[in-house]
Amino acid sequence: MKTFQLNQKQIHVLQKIHTARRRLLLGTLAISPLSLLGLTRTHTRDLPDVFIAFHVILYAAILSVLYYLYIKKVKPIARDIEGRSGIWVDLVITRKNEFPTVGRYY
């Protein structure tokens, strides 16, 4: 794997992306207990066990998705910022498509 050193402009852009993604995940984490809001009724004994289990499973699913997104989307950017390096990825274009109006390829 080829790596390269990031310049200050690239680091600044990565810091903005990292901050935005982190805020989004932390905000979602802060409001995720709302999935348990249905359990706060005064007569929870009257609720069926399936209803309680659904809310607990929903909350666990939300937490696991947030953890997965943190590991896949936020953590690598933080590592790139700390190490001040990026990974060079070579891409191969398998087919070209043409914009019909301008006659250019993308």
N, C-alpha and C. Protein backbone atom coordinates (compact mmCIF):
# COMPACT_ATOMS: atom_id res chain seq x y z
N MET A 1 0.83 -1.17 0.00
CA MET A 1 0.00 0.00 0.00
C MET A 1 0.89 1.25 0.00
N LYS A 2 0.64 2.13 -0.93
CA LYS A 2 1.41 3.36 -0.99
C LYS A 2 0.75 4.42 -0.11
N THR A 3 1.56 5.15 0.61
CA THR A 3 1.06 6.25 1.43
C THR A 3 1.70 7.55 0.98
N PHE A 4 1.09 8.64 1.37
CA PHE A 4 1.63 9.96 1.06
C PHE A 4 1.37 10.89 2.24
N GLN A 5 2.17 11.94 2.32
CA GLN A 5 2.02 12.91 3.39
C GLN A 5 0.94 13.93 3.03
N LEU A 6 0.08 14.23 4.00
CA LEU A 6 -0.98 15.21 3.80
C LEU A 6 -0.44 16.61 4.03
N ASN A 7 -0.88 17.56 3.21
CA ASN A 7 -0.50 18.94 3.45
C ASN A 7 -1.53 19.57 4.39
N GLN A 8 -1.30 20.81 4.78
CA GLN A 8 -2.16 21.47 5.77
C GLN A 8 -3.60 21.63 5.28
N LYS A 9 -3.78 21.90 4.00
CA LYS A 9 -5.13 22.06 3.45
C LYS A 9 -5.90 20.75 3.53
N GLN A 10 -5.26 19.65 3.19
CA GLN A 10 -5.91 18.35 3.25
C GLN A 10 -6.24 17.96 4.69
N ILE A 11 -5.34 18.28 5.61
CA ILE A 11 -5.59 18.00 7.02
C ILE A 11 -6.78 18.81 7.52
N HIS A 12 -6.86 20.07 7.10
CA HIS A 12 -7.97 20.92 7.50
C HIS A 12 -9.31 20.36 6.99
N VAL A 13 -9.33 19.90 5.76
CA VAL A 13 -10.55 19.31 5.20
C VAL A 13 -10.92 18.04 5.96
N LEU A 14 -9.94 17.20 6.26
CA LEU A 14 -10.21 15.98 7.01
C LEU A 14 -10.72 16.28 8.42
N GLN A 15 -10.20 17.34 9.04
CA GLN A 15 -10.68 17.73 10.36
C GLN A 15 -12.13 18.17 10.31
N LYS A 16 -12.52 18.89 9.25
CA LYS A 16 -13.91 19.29 9.10
C LYS A 16 -14.81 18.08 8.93
N ILE A 17 -14.40 17.14 8.08
CA ILE A 17 -15.18 15.92 7.86
C ILE A 17 -15.29 15.12 9.15
N HIS A 18 -14.19 14.99 9.87
CA HIS A 18 -14.17 14.25 11.13
C HIS A 18 -15.11 14.89 12.15
N THR A 19 -15.06 16.19 12.26
CA THR A 19 -15.93 16.89 13.21
C THR A 19 -17.39 16.72 12.86
N ALA A 20 -17.73 16.83 11.58
CA ALA A 20 -19.13 16.70 11.16
C ALA A 20 -19.64 15.29 11.41
N ARG A 21 -18.86 14.29 11.05
CA ARG A 21 -19.31 12.90 11.26
C ARG A 21 -19.42 12.58 12.74
N ARG A 22 -18.48 13.07 13.52
CA ARG A 22 -18.51 12.81 14.96
C ARG A 22 -19.71 13.47 15.61
N ARG A 23 -20.02 14.70 15.21
CA ARG A 23 -21.20 15.38 15.74
C ARG A 23 -22.48 14.63 15.39
N LEU A 24 -22.55 14.16 14.16
CA LEU A 24 -23.74 13.42 13.73
C LEU A 24 -23.92 12.14 14.54
N LEU A 25 -22.83 11.40 14.73
CA LEU A 25 -22.92 10.17 15.50
C LEU A 25 -23.23 10.45 16.98
N LEU A 26 -22.61 11.47 17.55
CA LEU A 26 -22.88 11.79 18.96
C LEU A 26 -24.30 12.31 19.14
N GLY A 27 -24.80 13.08 18.19
CA GLY A 27 -26.18 13.54 18.26
C GLY A 27 -27.16 12.39 18.17
N THR A 28 -26.88 11.46 17.27
CA THR A 28 -27.75 10.29 17.15
C THR A 28 -27.67 9.44 18.41
N LEU A 29 -26.48 9.33 18.99
CA LEU A 29 -26.32 8.58 20.22
C LEU A 29 -27.08 9.25 21.37
N ALA A 30 -27.11 10.58 21.36
CA ALA A 30 -27.80 11.31 22.42
C ALA A 30 -29.32 11.13 22.34
N ILE A 31 -29.87 11.03 21.13
CA ILE A 31 -31.31 10.89 21.02
C ILE A 31 -31.76 9.44 20.86
N SER A 32 -30.82 8.50 20.78
CA SER A 32 -31.21 7.11 20.61
C SER A 32 -31.98 6.54 21.80
N PRO A 33 -31.80 7.02 23.04
CA PRO A 33 -32.65 6.50 24.12
C PRO A 33 -34.13 6.81 23.92
N LEU A 34 -34.46 7.66 22.95
CA LEU A 34 -35.87 7.92 22.67
C LEU A 34 -36.58 6.67 22.16
N SER A 35 -35.80 5.70 21.66
CA SER A 35 -36.42 4.45 21.22
C SER A 35 -36.98 3.68 22.42
N LEU A 36 -36.50 4.01 23.63
CA LEU A 36 -37.02 3.37 24.84
C LEU A 36 -38.12 4.19 25.49
N LEU A 37 -38.51 5.29 24.84
CA LEU A 37 -39.50 6.18 25.42
C LEU A 37 -40.85 5.50 25.63
N GLY A 38 -41.19 4.56 24.80
CA GLY A 38 -42.45 3.86 24.95
C GLY A 38 -42.52 3.03 26.22
N LEU A 39 -41.37 2.78 26.84
CA LEU A 39 -41.35 1.97 28.06
C LEU A 39 -41.54 2.81 29.31
N THR A 40 -41.64 4.11 29.17
CA THR A 40 -41.73 4.98 30.34
C THR A 40 -43.16 5.23 30.79
N ARG A 41 -44.08 4.49 30.30
CA ARG A 41 -45.46 4.63 30.74
C ARG A 41 -45.58 4.22 32.20
N THR A 42 -46.60 4.69 32.84
CA THR A 42 -46.74 4.41 34.28
C THR A 42 -47.06 2.95 34.55
N HIS A 43 -47.75 2.29 33.65
CA HIS A 43 -48.15 0.90 33.86
C HIS A 43 -47.36 -0.01 32.92
N THR A 44 -46.08 -0.15 33.19
CA THR A 44 -45.26 -1.01 32.32
C THR A 44 -45.60 -2.47 32.51
N ARG A 45 -46.24 -2.82 33.60
CA ARG A 45 -46.62 -4.22 33.80
C ARG A 45 -47.75 -4.63 32.87
N ASP A 46 -48.49 -3.64 32.39
CA ASP A 46 -49.58 -3.94 31.48
C ASP A 46 -49.10 -4.17 30.05
N LEU A 47 -47.87 -3.78 29.76
CA LEU A 47 -47.35 -3.93 28.41
C LEU A 47 -46.97 -5.38 28.16
N PRO A 48 -47.21 -5.87 26.97
CA PRO A 48 -46.77 -7.25 26.66
C PRO A 48 -45.25 -7.32 26.59
N ASP A 49 -44.73 -8.49 26.88
CA ASP A 49 -43.28 -8.69 26.87
C ASP A 49 -42.69 -8.48 25.48
N VAL A 50 -43.45 -8.75 24.45
CA VAL A 50 -42.98 -8.57 23.08
C VAL A 50 -42.72 -7.09 22.81
N PHE A 51 -43.57 -6.24 23.34
CA PHE A 51 -43.41 -4.79 23.16
C PHE A 51 -42.13 -4.30 23.82
N ILE A 52 -41.87 -4.78 25.03
CA ILE A 52 -40.65 -4.39 25.75
C ILE A 52 -39.42 -4.94 25.02
N ALA A 53 -39.48 -6.18 24.60
CA ALA A 53 -38.35 -6.79 23.90
C ALA A 53 -38.06 -6.06 22.60
N PHE A 54 -39.12 -5.64 21.89
CA PHE A 54 -38.93 -4.89 20.64
C PHE A 54 -38.15 -3.61 20.88
N HIS A 55 -38.50 -2.87 21.91
CA HIS A 55 -37.81 -1.61 22.19
C HIS A 55 -36.35 -1.85 22.60
N VAL A 56 -36.12 -2.88 23.37
CA VAL A 56 -34.75 -3.18 23.79
C VAL A 56 -33.91 -3.62 22.60
N ILE A 57 -34.47 -4.45 21.73
CA ILE A 57 -33.75 -4.89 20.53
C ILE A 57 -33.51 -3.72 19.58
N LEU A 58 -34.48 -2.84 19.45
CA LEU A 58 -34.31 -1.65 18.61
C LEU A 58 -33.19 -0.77 19.13
N TYR A 59 -33.14 -0.57 20.45
CA TYR A 59 -32.08 0.24 21.05
C TYR A 59 -30.71 -0.41 20.84
N ALA A 60 -30.63 -1.72 21.01
CA ALA A 60 -29.37 -2.43 20.79
C ALA A 60 -28.94 -2.35 19.33
N ALA A 61 -29.90 -2.42 18.41
CA ALA A 61 -29.57 -2.31 16.99
C ALA A 61 -29.05 -0.91 16.66
N ILE A 62 -29.67 0.11 17.22
CA ILE A 62 -29.21 1.48 16.99
C ILE A 62 -27.79 1.65 17.51
N LEU A 63 -27.52 1.15 18.71
CA LEU A 63 -26.17 1.27 19.27
C LEU A 63 -25.14 0.50 18.44
N SER A 64 -25.50 -0.68 17.95
CA SER A 64 -24.53 -1.44 17.16
C SER A 64 -24.26 -0.77 15.81
N VAL A 65 -25.27 -0.17 15.19
CA VAL A 65 -25.06 0.55 13.94
C VAL A 65 -24.19 1.78 14.17
N LEU A 66 -24.42 2.49 15.26
CA LEU A 66 -23.58 3.65 15.57
C LEU A 66 -22.13 3.24 15.81
N TYR A 67 -21.92 2.13 16.50
CA TYR A 67 -20.57 1.65 16.74
C TYR A 67 -19.89 1.26 15.43
N TYR A 68 -20.62 0.57 14.56
CA TYR A 68 -20.08 0.17 13.26
C TYR A 68 -19.70 1.40 12.43
N LEU A 69 -20.58 2.41 12.41
CA LEU A 69 -20.28 3.62 11.65
C LEU A 69 -19.09 4.37 12.23
N TYR A 70 -18.95 4.35 13.55
CA TYR A 70 -17.80 5.00 14.16
C TYR A 70 -16.51 4.30 13.74
N ILE A 71 -16.51 2.98 13.79
CA ILE A 71 -15.30 2.23 13.43
C ILE A 71 -14.97 2.38 11.95
N LYS A 72 -15.97 2.41 11.07
CA LYS A 72 -15.74 2.44 9.63
C LYS A 72 -15.57 3.84 9.06
N LYS A 73 -16.22 4.85 9.65
CA LYS A 73 -16.24 6.18 9.03
C LYS A 73 -15.48 7.25 9.80
N VAL A 74 -15.42 7.15 11.12
CA VAL A 74 -14.80 8.21 11.91
C VAL A 74 -13.38 7.86 12.32
N LYS A 75 -13.18 6.66 12.78
CA LYS A 75 -11.87 6.24 13.27
C LYS A 75 -10.77 6.31 12.21
N PRO A 76 -10.99 5.87 10.95
CA PRO A 76 -9.92 5.98 9.95
C PRO A 76 -9.52 7.42 9.65
N ILE A 77 -10.47 8.33 9.68
CA ILE A 77 -10.14 9.74 9.44
C ILE A 77 -9.30 10.27 10.58
N ALA A 78 -9.64 9.88 11.81
CA ALA A 78 -8.84 10.31 12.96
C ALA A 78 -7.41 9.77 12.87
N ARG A 79 -7.27 8.52 12.42
CA ARG A 79 -5.93 7.95 12.25
C ARG A 79 -5.13 8.69 11.18
N ASP A 80 -5.79 9.07 10.08
CA ASP A 80 -5.11 9.82 9.03
C ASP A 80 -4.67 11.19 9.53
N ILE A 81 -5.50 11.83 10.32
CA ILE A 81 -5.15 13.16 10.85
C ILE A 81 -3.98 13.04 11.82
N GLU A 82 -4.01 12.05 12.70
CA GLU A 82 -2.93 11.87 13.67
C GLU A 82 -1.62 11.51 12.99
N GLY A 83 -1.66 10.61 12.02
CA GLY A 83 -0.45 10.20 11.33
C GLY A 83 -0.02 11.14 10.22
N ARG A 84 -0.89 12.07 9.87
CA ARG A 84 -0.64 13.05 8.79
C ARG A 84 -0.25 12.35 7.48
N SER A 85 -0.91 11.21 7.24
CA SER A 85 -0.63 10.49 6.00
C SER A 85 -1.93 9.91 5.46
N GLY A 86 -1.94 9.68 4.17
CA GLY A 86 -3.09 9.09 3.52
C GLY A 86 -2.67 7.87 2.73
N ILE A 87 -3.64 7.13 2.26
CA ILE A 87 -3.37 5.92 1.48
C ILE A 87 -3.65 6.23 0.01
N TRP A 88 -2.70 5.92 -0.82
CA TRP A 88 -2.85 6.12 -2.25
C TRP A 88 -3.60 4.94 -2.84
N VAL A 89 -4.72 5.22 -3.49
CA VAL A 89 -5.54 4.15 -4.07
C VAL A 89 -5.55 4.34 -5.59
N ASP A 90 -5.10 3.32 -6.30
CA ASP A 90 -5.14 3.34 -7.76
C ASP A 90 -6.49 2.80 -8.21
N LEU A 91 -7.14 3.54 -9.09
CA LEU A 91 -8.43 3.13 -9.61
C LEU A 91 -8.30 2.82 -11.09
N VAL A 92 -9.02 1.83 -11.53
CA VAL A 92 -9.04 1.45 -12.94
C VAL A 92 -10.44 1.70 -13.47
N ILE A 93 -10.51 2.49 -14.53
CA ILE A 93 -11.80 2.77 -15.14
C ILE A 93 -12.13 1.62 -16.08
N THR A 94 -13.22 0.93 -15.77
CA THR A 94 -13.58 -0.24 -16.58
C THR A 94 -14.40 0.14 -17.80
N ARG A 95 -15.17 1.19 -17.70
CA ARG A 95 -15.93 1.65 -18.86
C ARG A 95 -16.15 3.15 -18.72
N LYS A 96 -16.18 3.82 -19.84
CA LYS A 96 -16.38 5.25 -19.83
C LYS A 96 -17.81 5.55 -20.26
N ASN A 97 -18.41 6.49 -19.61
CA ASN A 97 -19.74 6.96 -20.00
C ASN A 97 -19.61 8.38 -20.51
N GLU A 98 -20.43 8.72 -21.46
CA GLU A 98 -20.34 10.02 -22.09
C GLU A 98 -21.58 10.85 -21.75
N PHE A 99 -21.33 12.12 -21.44
CA PHE A 99 -22.44 13.05 -21.32
C PHE A 99 -22.92 13.38 -22.72
N PRO A 100 -24.16 13.11 -23.05
CA PRO A 100 -24.60 13.32 -24.44
C PRO A 100 -24.63 14.79 -24.86
N THR A 101 -24.88 15.70 -23.94
CA THR A 101 -25.01 17.10 -24.33
C THR A 101 -23.68 17.78 -24.58
N VAL A 102 -22.65 17.42 -23.82
CA VAL A 102 -21.35 18.10 -23.97
C VAL A 102 -20.31 17.24 -24.65
N GLY A 103 -20.56 15.95 -24.79
CA GLY A 103 -19.62 15.09 -25.47
C GLY A 103 -18.37 14.79 -24.67
N ARG A 104 -18.44 14.89 -23.33
CA ARG A 104 -17.29 14.58 -22.48
C ARG A 104 -17.57 13.30 -21.69
N TYR A 105 -16.49 12.69 -21.28
CA TYR A 105 -16.59 11.46 -20.54
C TYR A 105 -16.45 11.72 -19.05
N TYR A 106 -17.04 10.84 -18.28
CA TYR A 106 -16.83 10.87 -16.83
C TYR A 106 -16.51 9.47 -16.36
